[in-house]
């Protein structure tokens, strides 16, 4: 006798759990900011960037590098948050 019960039932339960987790990941949307909120990035569970908002106050043609750094920081933070959320699930 199998101590874990019916293997077919166990496989079905595992498949249902996996489908539930995939459904939760599909609707996941994570927001991250940088520069005190002047750059905001939204990313979905597949780590696709869905939205990027930049406060016009931070746009300075003489300091494009700072803006690039803020965008990279927000996008990378969103990706880290998505990965953490997936790991939790």
PDB file of N, CA and C in Angstrom:
ATOM      1  N   UNK A   1       0.847  -1.183   0.000  1.00  0.00           N
ATOM      2  CA  UNK A   1       0.000   0.000   0.000  1.00  0.00           C
ATOM      3  C   UNK A   1       0.891   1.244   0.000  1.00  0.00           C
ATOM      4  N   UNK A   2       0.553   2.205  -0.830  1.00  0.00           N
ATOM      5  CA  UNK A   2       1.301   3.443  -0.963  1.00  0.00           C
ATOM      6  C   UNK A   2       0.970   4.370   0.212  1.00  0.00           C
ATOM      7  N   UNK A   3       1.986   4.819   0.982  1.00  0.00           N
ATOM      8  CA  UNK A   3       1.716   5.682   2.140  1.00  0.00           C
ATOM      9  C   UNK A   3       1.197   7.070   1.750  1.00  0.00           C
ATOM     10  N   UNK A   4       1.322   7.434   0.471  1.00  0.00           N
ATOM     11  CA  UNK A   4       0.877   8.751   0.014  1.00  0.00           C
ATOM     12  C   UNK A   4      -0.517   8.709  -0.606  1.00  0.00           C
ATOM     13  N   UNK A   5      -1.133   7.560  -0.650  1.00  0.00           N
ATOM     14  CA  UNK A   5      -2.471   7.444  -1.235  1.00  0.00           C
ATOM     15  C   UNK A   5      -2.393   7.115  -2.715  1.00  0.00           C
ATOM     16  N   UNK A   6      -3.489   7.325  -3.391  1.00  0.00           N
ATOM     17  CA  UNK A   6      -3.609   7.034  -4.819  1.00  0.00           C
ATOM     18  C   UNK A   6      -2.717   7.981  -5.620  1.00  0.00           C
ATOM     19  N   UNK A   7      -1.737   7.448  -6.371  1.00  0.00           N
ATOM     20  CA  UNK A   7      -0.833   8.317  -7.137  1.00  0.00           C
ATOM     21  C   UNK A   7      -1.563   9.164  -8.181  1.00  0.00           C
ATOM     22  N   UNK A   8      -2.636   8.636  -8.754  1.00  0.00           N
ATOM     23  CA  UNK A   8      -3.394   9.419  -9.748  1.00  0.00           C
ATOM     24  C   UNK A   8      -4.056  10.621  -9.095  1.00  0.00           C
ATOM     25  N   UNK A   9      -4.585  10.414  -7.900  1.00  0.00           N
ATOM     26  CA  UNK A   9      -5.228  11.511  -7.173  1.00  0.00           C
ATOM     27  C   UNK A   9      -4.189  12.567  -6.786  1.00  0.00           C
ATOM     28  N   UNK A  10      -3.037  12.113  -6.349  1.00  0.00           N
ATOM     29  CA  UNK A  10      -1.956  13.027  -5.976  1.00  0.00           C
ATOM     30  C   UNK A  10      -1.497  13.838  -7.190  1.00  0.00           C
ATOM     31  N   UNK A  11      -1.349  13.190  -8.335  1.00  0.00           N
ATOM     32  CA  UNK A  11      -0.932  13.890  -9.556  1.00  0.00           C
ATOM     33  C   UNK A  11      -1.978  14.928  -9.962  1.00  0.00           C
ATOM     34  N   UNK A  12      -3.241  14.582  -9.836  1.00  0.00           N
ATOM     35  CA  UNK A  12      -4.316  15.521 -10.181  1.00  0.00           C
ATOM     36  C   UNK A  12      -4.284  16.734  -9.259  1.00  0.00           C
ATOM     37  N   UNK A  13      -4.051  16.507  -7.963  1.00  0.00           N
ATOM     38  CA  UNK A  13      -3.972  17.605  -7.002  1.00  0.00           C
ATOM     39  C   UNK A  13      -2.780  18.507  -7.319  1.00  0.00           C
ATOM     40  N   UNK A  14      -1.645  17.903  -7.669  1.00  0.00           N
ATOM     41  CA  UNK A  14      -0.460  18.692  -8.025  1.00  0.00           C
ATOM     42  C   UNK A  14      -0.715  19.522  -9.283  1.00  0.00           C
ATOM     43  N   UNK A  15      -1.373  18.922 -10.261  1.00  0.00           N
ATOM     44  CA  UNK A  15      -1.691  19.634 -11.493  1.00  0.00           C
ATOM     45  C   UNK A  15      -2.633  20.801 -11.213  1.00  0.00           C
ATOM     46  N   UNK A  16      -3.622  20.593 -10.362  1.00  0.00           N
ATOM     47  CA  UNK A  16      -4.556  21.668 -10.020  1.00  0.00           C
ATOM     48  C   UNK A  16      -3.836  22.804  -9.289  1.00  0.00           C
ATOM     49  N   UNK A  17      -2.925  22.440  -8.402  1.00  0.00           N
ATOM     50  CA  UNK A  17      -2.160  23.465  -7.677  1.00  0.00           C
ATOM     51  C   UNK A  17      -1.296  24.264  -8.651  1.00  0.00           C
ATOM     52  N   UNK A  18      -0.663  23.581  -9.583  1.00  0.00           N
ATOM     53  CA  UNK A  18       0.172  24.261 -10.571  1.00  0.00           C
ATOM     54  C   UNK A  18      -0.667  25.189 -11.446  1.00  0.00           C
ATOM     55  N   UNK A  19      -1.833  24.748 -11.866  1.00  0.00           N
ATOM     56  CA  UNK A  19      -2.721  25.584 -12.669  1.00  0.00           C
ATOM     57  C   UNK A  19      -3.178  26.814 -11.897  1.00  0.00           C
ATOM     58  N   UNK A  20      -3.449  26.644 -10.604  1.00  0.00           N
ATOM     59  CA  UNK A  20      -3.866  27.773  -9.762  1.00  0.00           C
ATOM     60  C   UNK A  20      -2.742  28.800  -9.650  1.00  0.00           C
ATOM     61  N   UNK A  21      -1.526  28.310  -9.437  1.00  0.00           N
ATOM     62  CA  UNK A  21      -0.379  29.218  -9.315  1.00  0.00           C
ATOM     63  C   UNK A  21      -0.136  29.945 -10.633  1.00  0.00           C
ATOM     64  N   UNK A  22      -0.228  29.249 -11.750  1.00  0.00           N
ATOM     65  CA  UNK A  22      -0.033  29.892 -13.051  1.00  0.00           C
ATOM     66  C   UNK A  22      -1.099  30.950 -13.308  1.00  0.00           C
ATOM     67  N   UNK A  23      -2.326  30.689 -12.881  1.00  0.00           N
ATOM     68  CA  UNK A  23      -3.393  31.674 -13.046  1.00  0.00           C
ATOM     69  C   UNK A  23      -3.122  32.915 -12.195  1.00  0.00           C
ATOM     70  N   UNK A  24      -2.619  32.709 -10.981  1.00  0.00           N
ATOM     71  CA  UNK A  24      -2.294  33.841 -10.107  1.00  0.00           C
ATOM     72  C   UNK A  24      -1.153  34.665 -10.694  1.00  0.00           C
ATOM     73  N   UNK A  25      -0.163  33.995 -11.263  1.00  0.00           N
ATOM     74  CA  UNK A  25       0.971  34.691 -11.873  1.00  0.00           C
ATOM     75  C   UNK A  25       0.512  35.486 -13.092  1.00  0.00           C
ATOM     76  N   UNK A  26      -0.424  34.930 -13.847  1.00  0.00           N
ATOM     77  CA  UNK A  26      -0.901  35.594 -15.065  1.00  0.00           C
ATOM     78  C   UNK A  26      -1.558  36.935 -14.774  1.00  0.00           C
ATOM     79  N   UNK A  27      -2.195  37.086 -13.623  1.00  0.00           N
ATOM     80  CA  UNK A  27      -2.881  38.341 -13.297  1.00  0.00           C
ATOM     81  C   UNK A  27      -2.053  39.241 -12.370  1.00  0.00           C
ATOM     82  N   UNK A  28      -0.872  38.791 -12.027  1.00  0.00           N
ATOM     83  CA  UNK A  28       0.003  39.544 -11.132  1.00  0.00           C
ATOM     84  C   UNK A  28       0.490  40.833 -11.803  1.00  0.00           C
ATOM     85  N   UNK A  29       0.389  41.949 -11.106  1.00  0.00           N
ATOM     86  CA  UNK A  29       0.948  43.218 -11.558  1.00  0.00           C
ATOM     87  C   UNK A  29       1.667  43.832 -10.367  1.00  0.00           C
ATOM     88  N   UNK A  30       2.939  44.118 -10.562  1.00  0.00           N
ATOM     89  CA  UNK A  30       3.782  44.659  -9.494  1.00  0.00           C
ATOM     90  C   UNK A  30       4.246  46.056  -9.901  1.00  0.00           C
ATOM     91  N   UNK A  31       4.249  46.975  -8.944  1.00  0.00           N
ATOM     92  CA  UNK A  31       4.752  48.325  -9.184  1.00  0.00           C
ATOM     93  C   UNK A  31       6.009  48.551  -8.359  1.00  0.00           C
ATOM     94  N   UNK A  32       6.970  49.224  -8.967  1.00  0.00           N
ATOM     95  CA  UNK A  32       8.183  49.619  -8.252  1.00  0.00           C
ATOM     96  C   UNK A  32       8.507  51.056  -8.654  1.00  0.00           C
ATOM     97  N   UNK A  33       9.158  51.772  -7.746  1.00  0.00           N
ATOM     98  CA  UNK A  33       9.512  53.162  -8.018  1.00  0.00           C
ATOM     99  C   UNK A  33      10.986  53.389  -7.744  1.00  0.00           C
ATOM    100  N   UNK A  34      11.479  54.493  -8.259  1.00  0.00           N
ATOM    101  CA  UNK A  34      12.841  54.924  -7.928  1.00  0.00           C
ATOM    102  C   UNK A  34      12.837  56.445  -7.863  1.00  0.00           C
ATOM    103  N   UNK A  35      13.895  56.976  -7.281  1.00  0.00           N
ATOM    104  CA  UNK A  35      14.008  58.428  -7.166  1.00  0.00           C
ATOM    105  C   UNK A  35      12.909  59.046  -6.330  1.00  0.00           C
ATOM    106  N   UNK A  36      12.474  58.321  -5.308  1.00  0.00           N
ATOM    107  CA  UNK A  36      11.417  58.846  -4.461  1.00  0.00           C
ATOM    108  C   UNK A  36      10.058  58.878  -5.141  1.00  0.00           C
ATOM    109  N   UNK A  37       9.885  58.041  -6.158  1.00  0.00           N
ATOM    110  CA  UNK A  37       8.601  57.939  -6.831  1.00  0.00           C
ATOM    111  C   UNK A  37       8.518  58.705  -8.146  1.00  0.00           C
ATOM    112  N   UNK A  38       9.611  59.322  -8.581  1.00  0.00           N
ATOM    113  CA  UNK A  38       9.545  60.086  -9.831  1.00  0.00           C
ATOM    114  C   UNK A  38       9.528  59.180 -11.059  1.00  0.00           C
ATOM    115  N   UNK A  39       9.975  57.925 -10.896  1.00  0.00           N
ATOM    116  CA  UNK A  39       9.888  56.938 -11.962  1.00  0.00           C
ATOM    117  C   UNK A  39       9.145  55.731 -11.401  1.00  0.00           C
ATOM    118  N   UNK A  40       8.089  55.313 -12.113  1.00  0.00           N
ATOM    119  CA  UNK A  40       7.287  54.169 -11.687  1.00  0.00           C
ATOM    120  C   UNK A  40       7.239  53.159 -12.822  1.00  0.00           C
ATOM    121  N   UNK A  41       7.465  51.882 -12.472  1.00  0.00           N
ATOM    122  CA  UNK A  41       7.394  50.806 -13.452  1.00  0.00           C
ATOM    123  C   UNK A  41       6.391  49.767 -12.970  1.00  0.00           C
ATOM    124  N   UNK A  42       5.544  49.303 -13.870  1.00  0.00           N
ATOM    125  CA  UNK A  42       4.615  48.209 -13.579  1.00  0.00           C
ATOM    126  C   UNK A  42       4.988  47.030 -14.461  1.00  0.00           C
ATOM    127  N   UNK A  43       5.046  45.841 -13.832  1.00  0.00           N
ATOM    128  CA  UNK A  43       5.453  44.639 -14.540  1.00  0.00           C
ATOM    129  C   UNK A  43       4.476  43.530 -14.210  1.00  0.00           C
ATOM    130  N   UNK A  44       4.207  42.665 -15.206  1.00  0.00           N
ATOM    131  CA  UNK A  44       3.300  41.551 -14.964  1.00  0.00           C
ATOM    132  C   UNK A  44       4.070  40.317 -14.503  1.00  0.00           C
ATOM    133  N   UNK A  45       3.359  39.244 -14.264  1.00  0.00           N
ATOM    134  CA  UNK A  45       3.956  38.016 -13.747  1.00  0.00           C
ATOM    135  C   UNK A  45       4.916  37.338 -14.689  1.00  0.00           C
ATOM    136  N   UNK A  46       4.871  37.692 -15.981  1.00  0.00           N
ATOM    137  CA  UNK A  46       5.821  37.147 -16.941  1.00  0.00           C
ATOM    138  C   UNK A  46       7.007  38.097 -17.138  1.00  0.00           C
ATOM    139  N   UNK A  47       7.127  39.068 -16.264  1.00  0.00           N
ATOM    140  CA  UNK A  47       8.196  40.069 -16.276  1.00  0.00           C
ATOM    141  C   UNK A  47       8.186  40.915 -17.547  1.00  0.00           C
ATOM    142  N   UNK A  48       6.975  41.181 -18.030  1.00  0.00           N
ATOM    143  CA  UNK A  48       6.814  42.088 -19.158  1.00  0.00           C
ATOM    144  C   UNK A  48       6.477  43.464 -18.593  1.00  0.00           C
ATOM    145  N   UNK A  49       7.209  44.464 -19.019  1.00  0.00           N
ATOM    146  CA  UNK A  49       6.953  45.826 -18.566  1.00  0.00           C
ATOM    147  C   UNK A  49       5.617  46.283 -19.136  1.00  0.00           C
ATOM    148  N   UNK A  50       4.682  46.633 -18.267  1.00  0.00           N
ATOM    149  CA  UNK A  50       3.347  47.027 -18.695  1.00  0.00           C
ATOM    150  C   UNK A  50       3.176  48.541 -18.743  1.00  0.00           C
ATOM    151  N   UNK A  51       3.911  49.228 -17.879  1.00  0.00           N
ATOM    152  CA  UNK A  51       3.747  50.674 -17.785  1.00  0.00           C
ATOM    153  C   UNK A  51       5.027  51.280 -17.229  1.00  0.00           C
ATOM    154  N   UNK A  52       5.372  52.451 -17.752  1.00  0.00           N
ATOM    155  CA  UNK A  52       6.506  53.209 -17.246  1.00  0.00           C
ATOM    156  C   UNK A  52       6.092  54.667 -17.201  1.00  0.00           C
ATOM    157  N   UNK A  53       6.115  55.251 -16.000  1.00  0.00           N
ATOM    158  CA  UNK A  53       5.713  56.641 -15.834  1.00  0.00           C
ATOM    159  C   UNK A  53       6.899  57.434 -15.296  1.00  0.00           C
ATOM    160  N   UNK A  54       7.129  58.581 -15.911  1.00  0.00           N
ATOM    161  CA  UNK A  54       8.236  59.448 -15.516  1.00  0.00           C
ATOM    162  C   UNK A  54       7.663  60.831 -15.214  1.00  0.00           C
ATOM    163  N   UNK A  55       7.924  61.308 -14.008  1.00  0.00           N
ATOM    164  CA  UNK A  55       7.487  62.649 -13.622  1.00  0.00           C
ATOM    165  C   UNK A  55       8.242  63.666 -14.492  1.00  0.00           C
ATOM    166  N   UNK A  56       7.531  64.550 -15.159  1.00  0.00           N
ATOM    167  CA  UNK A  56       8.189  65.533 -16.022  1.00  0.00           C
ATOM    168  C   UNK A  56       9.235  66.385 -15.293  1.00  0.00           C
ATOM    169  N   UNK A  57       9.082  66.526 -13.995  1.00  0.00           N
ATOM    170  CA  UNK A  57      10.036  67.330 -13.217  1.00  0.00           C
ATOM    171  C   UNK A  57      11.452  66.746 -13.253  1.00  0.00           C
ATOM    172  N   UNK A  58      11.563  65.437 -13.475  1.00  0.00           N
ATOM    173  CA  UNK A  58      12.868  64.782 -13.442  1.00  0.00           C
ATOM    174  C   UNK A  58      13.550  64.795 -14.814  1.00  0.00           C
ATOM    175  N   UNK A  59      12.821  65.196 -15.843  1.00  0.00           N
ATOM    176  CA  UNK A  59      13.389  65.213 -17.196  1.00  0.00           C
ATOM    177  C   UNK A  59      14.249  66.457 -17.355  1.00  0.00           C
ATOM    178  N   UNK A  60      15.527  66.206 -17.558  1.00  0.00           N
ATOM    179  CA  UNK A  60      16.501  67.284 -17.710  1.00  0.00           C
ATOM    180  C   UNK A  60      17.451  66.874 -18.827  1.00  0.00           C
ATOM    181  N   UNK A  61      17.407  67.590 -19.914  1.00  0.00           N
ATOM    182  CA  UNK A  61      18.232  67.209 -21.063  1.00  0.00           C
ATOM    183  C   UNK A  61      19.726  67.251 -20.739  1.00  0.00           C
ATOM    184  N   UNK A  62      20.124  67.966 -19.709  1.00  0.00           N
ATOM    185  CA  UNK A  62      21.529  68.031 -19.335  1.00  0.00           C
ATOM    186  C   UNK A  62      21.948  66.890 -18.410  1.00  0.00           C
ATOM    187  N   UNK A  63      20.995  66.082 -17.975  1.00  0.00           N
ATOM    188  CA  UNK A  63      21.317  64.971 -17.070  1.00  0.00           C
ATOM    189  C   UNK A  63      20.532  63.714 -17.467  1.00  0.00           C
ATOM    190  N   UNK A  64      20.696  63.297 -18.696  1.00  0.00           N
ATOM    191  CA  UNK A  64      20.001  62.118 -19.216  1.00  0.00           C
ATOM    192  C   UNK A  64      20.451  60.863 -18.473  1.00  0.00           C
ATOM    193  N   UNK A  65      21.704  60.805 -18.082  1.00  0.00           N
ATOM    194  CA  UNK A  65      22.218  59.618 -17.378  1.00  0.00           C
ATOM    195  C   UNK A  65      21.458  59.355 -16.083  1.00  0.00           C
ATOM    196  N   UNK A  66      21.116  60.400 -15.343  1.00  0.00           N
ATOM    197  CA  UNK A  66      20.369  60.219 -14.106  1.00  0.00           C
ATOM    198  C   UNK A  66      19.003  59.594 -14.402  1.00  0.00           C
ATOM    199  N   UNK A  67      18.324  60.088 -15.429  1.00  0.00           N
ATOM    200  CA  UNK A  67      17.022  59.543 -15.806  1.00  0.00           C
ATOM    201  C   UNK A  67      17.155  58.080 -16.226  1.00  0.00           C
ATOM    202  N   UNK A  68      18.169  57.768 -16.990  1.00  0.00           N
ATOM    203  CA  UNK A  68      18.405  56.378 -17.396  1.00  0.00           C
ATOM    204  C   UNK A  68      18.613  55.489 -16.176  1.00  0.00           C
ATOM    205  N   UNK A  69      19.393  55.965 -15.223  1.00  0.00           N
ATOM    206  CA  UNK A  69      19.637  55.194 -13.993  1.00  0.00           C
ATOM    207  C   UNK A  69      18.344  54.973 -13.206  1.00  0.00           C
ATOM    208  N   UNK A  70      17.502  55.998 -13.127  1.00  0.00           N
ATOM    209  CA  UNK A  70      16.239  55.874 -12.404  1.00  0.00           C
ATOM    210  C   UNK A  70      15.310  54.866 -13.083  1.00  0.00           C
ATOM    211  N   UNK A  71      15.265  54.891 -14.413  1.00  0.00           N
ATOM    212  CA  UNK A  71      14.432  53.936 -15.156  1.00  0.00           C
ATOM    213  C   UNK A  71      14.947  52.520 -14.937  1.00  0.00           C
ATOM    214  N   UNK A  72      16.250  52.318 -15.081  1.00  0.00           N
ATOM    215  CA  UNK A  72      16.823  50.990 -14.856  1.00  0.00           C
ATOM    216  C   UNK A  72      16.532  50.493 -13.449  1.00  0.00           C
ATOM    217  N   UNK A  73      16.679  51.367 -12.482  1.00  0.00           N
ATOM    218  CA  UNK A  73      16.443  50.990 -11.097  1.00  0.00           C
ATOM    219  C   UNK A  73      14.999  50.563 -10.873  1.00  0.00           C
ATOM    220  N   UNK A  74      14.047  51.315 -11.394  1.00  0.00           N
ATOM    221  CA  UNK A  74      12.628  50.985 -11.207  1.00  0.00           C
ATOM    222  C   UNK A  74      12.274  49.675 -11.896  1.00  0.00           C
ATOM    223  N   UNK A  75      12.763  49.473 -13.112  1.00  0.00           N
ATOM    224  CA  UNK A  75      12.449  48.247 -13.859  1.00  0.00           C
ATOM    225  C   UNK A  75      13.085  47.037 -13.179  1.00  0.00           C
ATOM    226  N   UNK A  76      14.326  47.163 -12.766  1.00  0.00           N
ATOM    227  CA  UNK A  76      14.988  46.045 -12.092  1.00  0.00           C
ATOM    228  C   UNK A  76      14.326  45.713 -10.757  1.00  0.00           C
ATOM    229  N   UNK A  77      13.898  46.724 -10.032  1.00  0.00           N
ATOM    230  CA  UNK A  77      13.207  46.490  -8.766  1.00  0.00           C
ATOM    231  C   UNK A  77      11.871  45.791  -9.003  1.00  0.00           C
ATOM    232  N   UNK A  78      11.167  46.192 -10.054  1.00  0.00           N
ATOM    233  CA  UNK A  78       9.904  45.523 -10.388  1.00  0.00           C
ATOM    234  C   UNK A  78      10.154  44.050 -10.705  1.00  0.00           C
ATOM    235  N   UNK A  79      11.203  43.751 -11.457  1.00  0.00           N
ATOM    236  CA  UNK A  79      11.533  42.357 -11.788  1.00  0.00           C
ATOM    237  C   UNK A  79      11.857  41.562 -10.530  1.00  0.00           C
ATOM    238  N   UNK A  80      12.599  42.163  -9.597  1.00  0.00           N
ATOM    239  CA  UNK A  80      12.908  41.486  -8.332  1.00  0.00           C
ATOM    240  C   UNK A  80      11.629  41.208  -7.539  1.00  0.00           C
ATOM    241  N   UNK A  81      10.732  42.180  -7.515  1.00  0.00           N
ATOM    242  CA  UNK A  81       9.480  42.008  -6.773  1.00  0.00           C
ATOM    243  C   UNK A  81       8.602  40.916  -7.405  1.00  0.00           C
ATOM    244  N   UNK A  82       8.575  40.864  -8.735  1.00  0.00           N
ATOM    245  CA  UNK A  82       7.817  39.808  -9.415  1.00  0.00           C
ATOM    246  C   UNK A  82       8.388  38.454  -9.038  1.00  0.00           C
ATOM    247  N   UNK A  83       9.696  38.313  -9.103  1.00  0.00           N
ATOM    248  CA  UNK A  83      10.343  37.039  -8.774  1.00  0.00           C
ATOM    249  C   UNK A  83      10.049  36.647  -7.324  1.00  0.00           C
ATOM    250  N   UNK A  84      10.121  37.590  -6.402  1.00  0.00           N
ATOM    251  CA  UNK A  84       9.826  37.306  -4.997  1.00  0.00           C
ATOM    252  C   UNK A  84       8.382  36.874  -4.825  1.00  0.00           C
ATOM    253  N   UNK A  85       7.471  37.537  -5.518  1.00  0.00           N
ATOM    254  CA  UNK A  85       6.059  37.183  -5.411  1.00  0.00           C
ATOM    255  C   UNK A  85       5.799  35.778  -5.962  1.00  0.00           C
ATOM    256  N   UNK A  86       6.450  35.446  -7.067  1.00  0.00           N
ATOM    257  CA  UNK A  86       6.297  34.107  -7.646  1.00  0.00           C
ATOM    258  C   UNK A  86       6.844  33.057  -6.691  1.00  0.00           C
ATOM    259  N   UNK A  87       7.982  33.322  -6.083  1.00  0.00           N
ATOM    260  CA  UNK A  87       8.579  32.371  -5.146  1.00  0.00           C
ATOM    261  C   UNK A  87       7.673  32.153  -3.931  1.00  0.00           C
ATOM    262  N   UNK A  88       7.004  33.225  -3.486  1.00  0.00           N
ATOM    263  CA  UNK A  88       6.073  33.095  -2.357  1.00  0.00           C
ATOM    264  C   UNK A  88       4.896  32.182  -2.679  1.00  0.00           C
ATOM    265  N   UNK A  89       4.465  32.252  -3.932  1.00  0.00           N
ATOM    266  CA  UNK A  89       3.309  31.464  -4.351  1.00  0.00           C
ATOM    267  C   UNK A  89       3.720  30.029  -4.588  1.00  0.00           C
TER     268      UNK A  89
END
